[in-house]
Amino acid sequence: METSKRVYFASDFHLGVDARHTSKEREKQIVRWLEQISEDAAEIFLVGDLFDFWFEYKTVIPKGYTRLLGKLSELRDKNIPIQFFTGNHDMWMFRYFEEEFGIPIHREPIIREFNGKTFFIGHGDGLGPGDHGYKFLKKVFSNKFCQWLFARIHPNTGIGMADFWSGKSRALNPEPPKFLGPEKEWLVIFSNEELDRQPHIDYFIFGHRHIPIDYLLKNNHSRYINLGEWLTFNSYAVFDGEDVQLKFFENEEATVFGKKNAKEKTST
């Protein structure tokens, strides 16, 4: 990394569903953020659930998101590396990003090193103890035959069904998630257990939990960073070559949860 460059991480845009702002307004915010960070971005990691639902048919992708897709194409044309991770809402992302933009698709966590710091990066769904119902569903949705069956459904019906179930799921869980403490946060548990196998990891970067968390792990060195989301927080992480910080874009009221920097608020 050049000293003037930064590595950026964001997740859980959930475009396609309205929240504090409409999906289209949020998309415009994300494009403004991408434009801003393009000035010093060495690499951008988009860590899952960019879309509230995504399924690629052979010749069809979901309608909309032209501002975001256009900006990603522009950034790639500037040779800014972008890494995309599938989440639990857009796990049916196949080859479109790779073929259209040259953006690699990651379906499992990866390990990367920047300036001597080691990063364990993934969306976070299905990791750690518990949540057996979702882990079973993930196996079903990841099954090639099940994907083939869904592709036989006309897009008007298939995407309509997905939007219906997504909205029903949010109606059943209207309250925003809260930090549960290290004994109940499964990604904290996973990260601490992973340190027994890979003690050299400096940062565990995940999405999925929908709250910005900066938590110091059991070795008092490594940190679990959860990227939060853009439905409420507009949160992201940036590595400046020495340290990782959670920040907020166009949001002056958000705060970071967790043991480290629990009362610190960093805004853009």
Protein backbone atom coordinates (compact mmCIF):
# COMPACT_ATOMS: atom_id res chain seq x y z
CA MET A 1 0.00 0.00 0.00
CA GLU A 2 1.12 3.51 -0.80
CA THR A 3 1.17 5.73 2.28
CA SER A 4 -1.57 7.96 0.87
CA LYS A 5 -3.90 5.06 0.05
CA ARG A 6 -6.65 3.40 2.08
CA VAL A 7 -8.50 0.07 2.06
CA TYR A 8 -12.28 0.35 2.47
CA PHE A 9 -14.85 -2.18 3.69
CA ALA A 10 -18.65 -1.94 3.61
CA SER A 11 -21.58 -4.35 3.66
CA ASP A 12 -25.33 -4.70 3.98
CA PHE A 13 -26.62 -1.97 1.66
CA HIS A 14 -29.80 -4.06 1.19
CA LEU A 15 -30.79 -2.16 -1.92
CA GLY A 16 -34.31 -2.96 -2.98
CA VAL A 17 -35.91 -2.32 0.41
CA ASP A 18 -36.82 1.06 1.94
CA ALA A 19 -35.65 2.02 5.44
CA ARG A 20 -34.57 5.38 6.91
CA HIS A 21 -34.31 6.45 3.27
CA THR A 22 -35.86 4.89 0.22
CA SER A 23 -33.77 2.34 -1.63
CA LYS A 24 -33.13 4.81 -4.44
CA GLU A 25 -32.06 7.58 -2.05
CA ARG A 26 -29.76 5.13 -0.25
CA GLU A 27 -28.30 4.05 -3.58
CA LYS A 28 -27.46 7.69 -4.33
CA GLN A 29 -25.76 7.96 -0.92
CA ILE A 30 -23.69 4.87 -1.64
CA VAL A 31 -22.66 6.27 -5.01
CA ARG A 32 -21.60 9.54 -3.32
CA TRP A 33 -19.57 7.53 -0.80
CA LEU A 34 -17.90 5.49 -3.55
CA GLU A 35 -17.08 8.68 -5.43
CA GLN A 36 -15.52 10.17 -2.29
CA ILE A 37 -13.37 7.18 -1.40
CA SER A 38 -12.26 6.65 -5.00
CA GLU A 39 -9.78 9.51 -4.45
CA ASP A 40 -7.56 7.40 -2.16
CA ALA A 41 -8.88 3.80 -2.38
CA ALA A 42 -6.20 1.15 -2.82
CA GLU A 43 -8.93 -1.52 -2.74
CA ILE A 44 -12.63 -1.76 -1.88
CA PHE A 45 -14.25 -4.77 -0.20
CA LEU A 46 -18.03 -5.09 -0.52
CA VAL A 47 -18.76 -7.71 2.11
CA GLY A 48 -22.20 -9.07 1.25
CA ASP A 49 -25.90 -8.22 1.10
CA LEU A 50 -25.49 -5.31 -1.27
CA PHE A 51 -28.95 -6.26 -2.50
CA ASP A 52 -31.93 -7.37 -0.47
CA PHE A 53 -32.45 -10.00 -3.14
CA TRP A 54 -30.48 -10.95 -6.22
CA PHE A 55 -30.84 -13.81 -8.65
CA GLU A 56 -29.11 -14.03 -12.01
CA TYR A 57 -31.02 -15.75 -14.73
CA LYS A 58 -29.07 -16.67 -17.86
CA THR A 59 -29.92 -13.40 -19.59
CA VAL A 60 -31.73 -11.42 -16.85
CA ILE A 61 -30.66 -9.62 -13.68
CA PRO A 62 -32.95 -7.80 -11.22
CA LYS A 63 -34.31 -4.46 -12.36
CA GLY A 64 -32.76 -1.25 -11.01
CA TYR A 65 -29.46 -0.37 -9.27
CA THR A 66 -28.15 1.34 -12.43
CA ARG A 67 -26.45 4.12 -10.45
CA LEU A 68 -24.50 1.64 -8.31
CA LEU A 69 -23.62 -0.64 -11.20
CA GLY A 70 -22.49 2.31 -13.28
CA LYS A 71 -20.27 3.60 -10.46
CA LEU A 72 -18.71 0.17 -9.92
CA SER A 73 -17.98 -0.03 -13.63
CA GLU A 74 -16.39 3.43 -13.52
CA LEU A 75 -14.19 2.51 -10.56
CA ARG A 76 -13.01 -0.66 -12.27
CA ASP A 77 -12.24 1.34 -15.41
CA LYS A 78 -9.96 3.40 -13.15
CA ASN A 79 -8.27 0.12 -12.14
CA ILE A 80 -9.43 0.31 -8.52
CA PRO A 81 -9.62 -3.31 -7.26
CA ILE A 82 -13.03 -4.30 -5.88
CA GLN A 83 -13.82 -7.55 -4.07
CA PHE A 84 -17.43 -8.76 -3.74
CA PHE A 85 -18.63 -11.25 -1.10
CA THR A 86 -21.99 -12.96 -1.34
CA GLY A 87 -24.24 -12.60 1.69
CA ASN A 88 -27.34 -14.44 2.77
CA HIS A 89 -29.53 -12.10 0.67
CA ASP A 90 -27.46 -12.15 -2.52
CA MET A 91 -25.92 -15.62 -2.43
CA TRP A 92 -27.40 -16.20 -5.90
CA MET A 93 -24.85 -13.86 -7.42
CA PHE A 94 -23.13 -15.95 -10.07
CA ARG A 95 -20.84 -14.61 -12.83
CA TYR A 96 -22.34 -11.22 -13.75
CA PHE A 97 -19.99 -9.07 -11.65
CA GLU A 98 -16.97 -11.06 -12.79
CA GLU A 99 -17.86 -10.97 -16.47
CA GLU A 100 -19.23 -7.41 -16.65
CA PHE A 101 -16.92 -5.55 -14.25
CA GLY A 102 -14.00 -7.85 -13.52
CA ILE A 103 -15.00 -7.98 -9.86
CA PRO A 104 -14.16 -11.33 -8.19
CA ILE A 105 -16.96 -13.09 -6.29
CA HIS A 106 -16.08 -14.66 -2.91
CA ARG A 107 -18.46 -17.19 -1.37
CA GLU A 108 -16.30 -18.02 1.63
CA PRO A 109 -14.11 -15.90 3.93
CA ILE A 110 -10.64 -15.01 2.67
CA ILE A 111 -7.41 -13.90 4.33
CA ARG A 112 -5.52 -10.88 3.02
CA GLU A 113 -2.47 -8.97 4.22
CA PHE A 114 -1.91 -5.21 4.02
CA ASN A 115 1.16 -3.48 5.43
CA GLY A 116 2.01 -6.45 7.61
CA LYS A 117 -1.53 -6.68 9.06
CA THR A 118 -3.57 -9.83 8.45
CA PHE A 119 -7.30 -9.57 7.71
CA PHE A 120 -9.89 -12.36 7.90
CA ILE A 121 -12.77 -11.11 5.72
CA GLY A 122 -16.23 -12.58 5.10
CA HIS A 123 -19.93 -11.77 5.29
CA GLY A 124 -20.29 -13.74 8.50
CA ASP A 125 -23.50 -15.67 7.91
CA GLY A 126 -23.39 -19.29 9.04
CA LEU A 127 -20.23 -18.85 11.13
CA GLY A 128 -19.96 -19.64 14.82
CA PRO A 129 -22.28 -21.69 17.03
CA GLY A 130 -26.05 -22.05 16.77
CA ASP A 131 -28.39 -20.76 14.05
CA HIS A 132 -28.85 -24.30 12.77
CA GLY A 133 -32.06 -23.47 10.90
CA TYR A 134 -30.33 -20.87 8.76
CA LYS A 135 -27.30 -23.11 8.20
CA PHE A 136 -29.64 -25.77 6.82
CA LEU A 137 -31.40 -23.24 4.56
CA LYS A 138 -28.05 -21.98 3.31
CA LYS A 139 -27.15 -25.50 2.19
CA VAL A 140 -30.48 -25.73 0.37
CA PHE A 141 -30.09 -22.34 -1.33
CA SER A 142 -26.49 -23.15 -2.28
CA ASN A 143 -27.50 -26.42 -3.88
CA LYS A 144 -26.99 -26.34 -7.65
CA PHE A 145 -30.16 -28.33 -8.32
CA CYS A 146 -32.27 -25.97 -6.19
CA GLN A 147 -30.78 -23.01 -8.06
CA TRP A 148 -31.59 -24.71 -11.37
CA LEU A 149 -35.19 -25.23 -10.24
CA PHE A 150 -35.58 -21.59 -9.22
CA ALA A 151 -34.19 -20.48 -12.57
CA ARG A 152 -37.12 -22.28 -14.24
CA ILE A 153 -39.51 -19.80 -12.57
CA HIS A 154 -40.31 -16.71 -14.62
CA PRO A 155 -38.48 -13.63 -13.20
CA ASN A 156 -41.75 -11.77 -12.57
CA THR A 157 -42.84 -14.60 -10.29
CA GLY A 158 -39.49 -15.59 -8.81
CA ILE A 159 -38.33 -12.10 -7.86
CA GLY A 160 -41.84 -11.21 -6.69
CA MET A 161 -41.84 -14.22 -4.35
CA ALA A 162 -38.42 -13.26 -2.98
CA ASP A 163 -39.48 -9.66 -2.34
CA PHE A 164 -42.59 -10.88 -0.52
CA TRP A 165 -40.67 -13.18 1.83
CA SER A 166 -38.01 -10.56 2.47
CA GLY A 167 -40.66 -8.03 3.52
CA LYS A 168 -42.41 -10.61 5.69
CA SER A 169 -39.12 -11.44 7.44
CA ARG A 170 -38.54 -7.76 8.27
CA ALA A 171 -42.10 -7.42 9.56
CA LEU A 172 -41.44 -10.26 11.99
CA ASN A 173 -38.20 -8.61 13.16
CA PRO A 174 -38.95 -4.86 13.26
CA GLU A 175 -36.48 -3.96 16.02
CA PRO A 176 -32.87 -3.17 15.09
CA PRO A 177 -30.33 -5.66 16.48
CA LYS A 178 -28.40 -4.86 19.66
CA PHE A 179 -24.93 -5.84 20.82
CA LEU A 180 -25.48 -8.94 22.98
CA GLY A 181 -22.09 -9.20 24.68
CA PRO A 182 -19.22 -11.61 23.98
CA GLU A 183 -21.02 -14.67 25.35
CA LYS A 184 -23.88 -14.36 22.84
CA GLU A 185 -22.32 -12.66 19.83
CA TRP A 186 -21.58 -15.67 17.63
CA LEU A 187 -19.06 -13.83 15.47
CA VAL A 188 -17.11 -12.82 18.58
CA ILE A 189 -17.15 -16.49 19.60
CA PHE A 190 -16.09 -17.58 16.11
CA SER A 191 -13.26 -15.04 15.99
CA ASN A 192 -11.90 -16.07 19.39
CA GLU A 193 -12.03 -19.74 18.38
CA GLU A 194 -10.34 -18.98 15.06
CA LEU A 195 -7.47 -17.31 16.95
CA ASP A 196 -6.65 -20.74 18.45
CA ARG A 197 -6.06 -21.96 14.88
CA GLN A 198 -4.67 -18.77 13.35
CA PRO A 199 -3.23 -16.54 16.09
CA HIS A 200 -1.65 -14.19 13.54
CA ILE A 201 -5.00 -12.64 12.46
CA ASP A 202 -5.09 -8.93 13.34
CA TYR A 203 -8.61 -8.06 12.16
CA PHE A 204 -11.76 -10.09 11.64
CA ILE A 205 -13.95 -8.08 9.24
CA PHE A 206 -17.58 -9.16 8.94
CA GLY A 207 -21.00 -7.82 8.00
CA HIS A 208 -24.36 -9.54 8.57
CA ARG A 209 -25.00 -8.39 12.19
CA HIS A 210 -26.25 -4.96 11.12
CA ILE A 211 -24.54 -3.06 13.94
CA PRO A 212 -21.11 -1.38 13.85
CA ILE A 213 -18.92 -3.24 16.35
CA ASP A 214 -15.26 -2.82 17.28
CA TYR A 215 -14.43 -5.52 19.81
CA LEU A 216 -11.04 -6.40 21.29
CA LEU A 217 -10.64 -10.18 21.31
CA LYS A 218 -9.23 -12.51 23.95
CA ASN A 219 -5.57 -12.02 23.05
CA ASN A 220 -5.92 -8.26 23.70
CA HIS A 221 -4.56 -7.54 20.24
CA SER A 222 -6.84 -8.87 17.52
CA ARG A 223 -10.14 -7.12 16.85
CA TYR A 224 -13.53 -8.14 15.55
CA ILE A 225 -14.93 -5.40 13.33
CA ASN A 226 -18.54 -5.59 12.21
CA LEU A 227 -19.32 -3.21 9.39
CA GLY A 228 -22.91 -2.47 10.40
CA GLU A 229 -25.30 -1.55 7.58
CA TRP A 230 -26.70 1.27 5.44
CA LEU A 231 -30.37 0.95 6.40
CA THR A 232 -29.75 3.05 9.52
CA PHE A 233 -26.04 3.59 10.21
CA ASN A 234 -24.32 4.18 6.84
CA SER A 235 -21.26 2.62 8.44
CA TYR A 236 -18.02 1.39 6.90
CA ALA A 237 -14.44 0.62 7.90
CA VAL A 238 -11.20 2.04 6.59
CA PHE A 239 -7.62 0.82 6.99
CA ASP A 240 -5.07 3.62 6.69
CA GLY A 241 -2.02 1.37 6.67
CA GLU A 242 -1.70 1.28 10.46
CA ASP A 243 -5.15 0.85 12.00
CA VAL A 244 -8.81 0.14 11.19
CA GLN A 245 -11.52 2.64 12.08
CA LEU A 246 -15.29 2.42 11.80
CA LYS A 247 -16.80 5.55 10.28
CA PHE A 248 -20.22 6.82 9.25
CA PHE A 249 -21.21 8.53 6.02
CA GLU A 250 -23.71 11.42 6.21
CA ASN A 251 -24.82 10.30 9.66
CA GLU A 252 -23.86 12.37 12.70
CA GLU A 253 -25.82 10.34 15.27
CA ALA A 254 -24.44 6.82 14.93
CA THR A 255 -22.11 5.18 17.46
CA VAL A 256 -19.79 2.18 17.60
CA PHE A 257 -20.71 -0.77 19.85
CA GLY A 258 -18.41 -3.14 21.64
CA LYS A 259 -15.59 -3.30 24.14
CA LYS A 260 -13.17 -1.15 22.15
CA ASN A 261 -14.17 2.47 21.44
CA ALA A 262 -17.61 1.80 22.92
CA LYS A 263 -18.30 5.50 23.38
CA GLU A 264 -16.31 6.81 20.43
CA LYS A 265 -18.12 8.29 17.47
CA THR A 266 -16.33 8.87 14.19
CA SER A 267 -18.20 10.59 11.38
CA THR A 268 -17.56 11.87 7.90
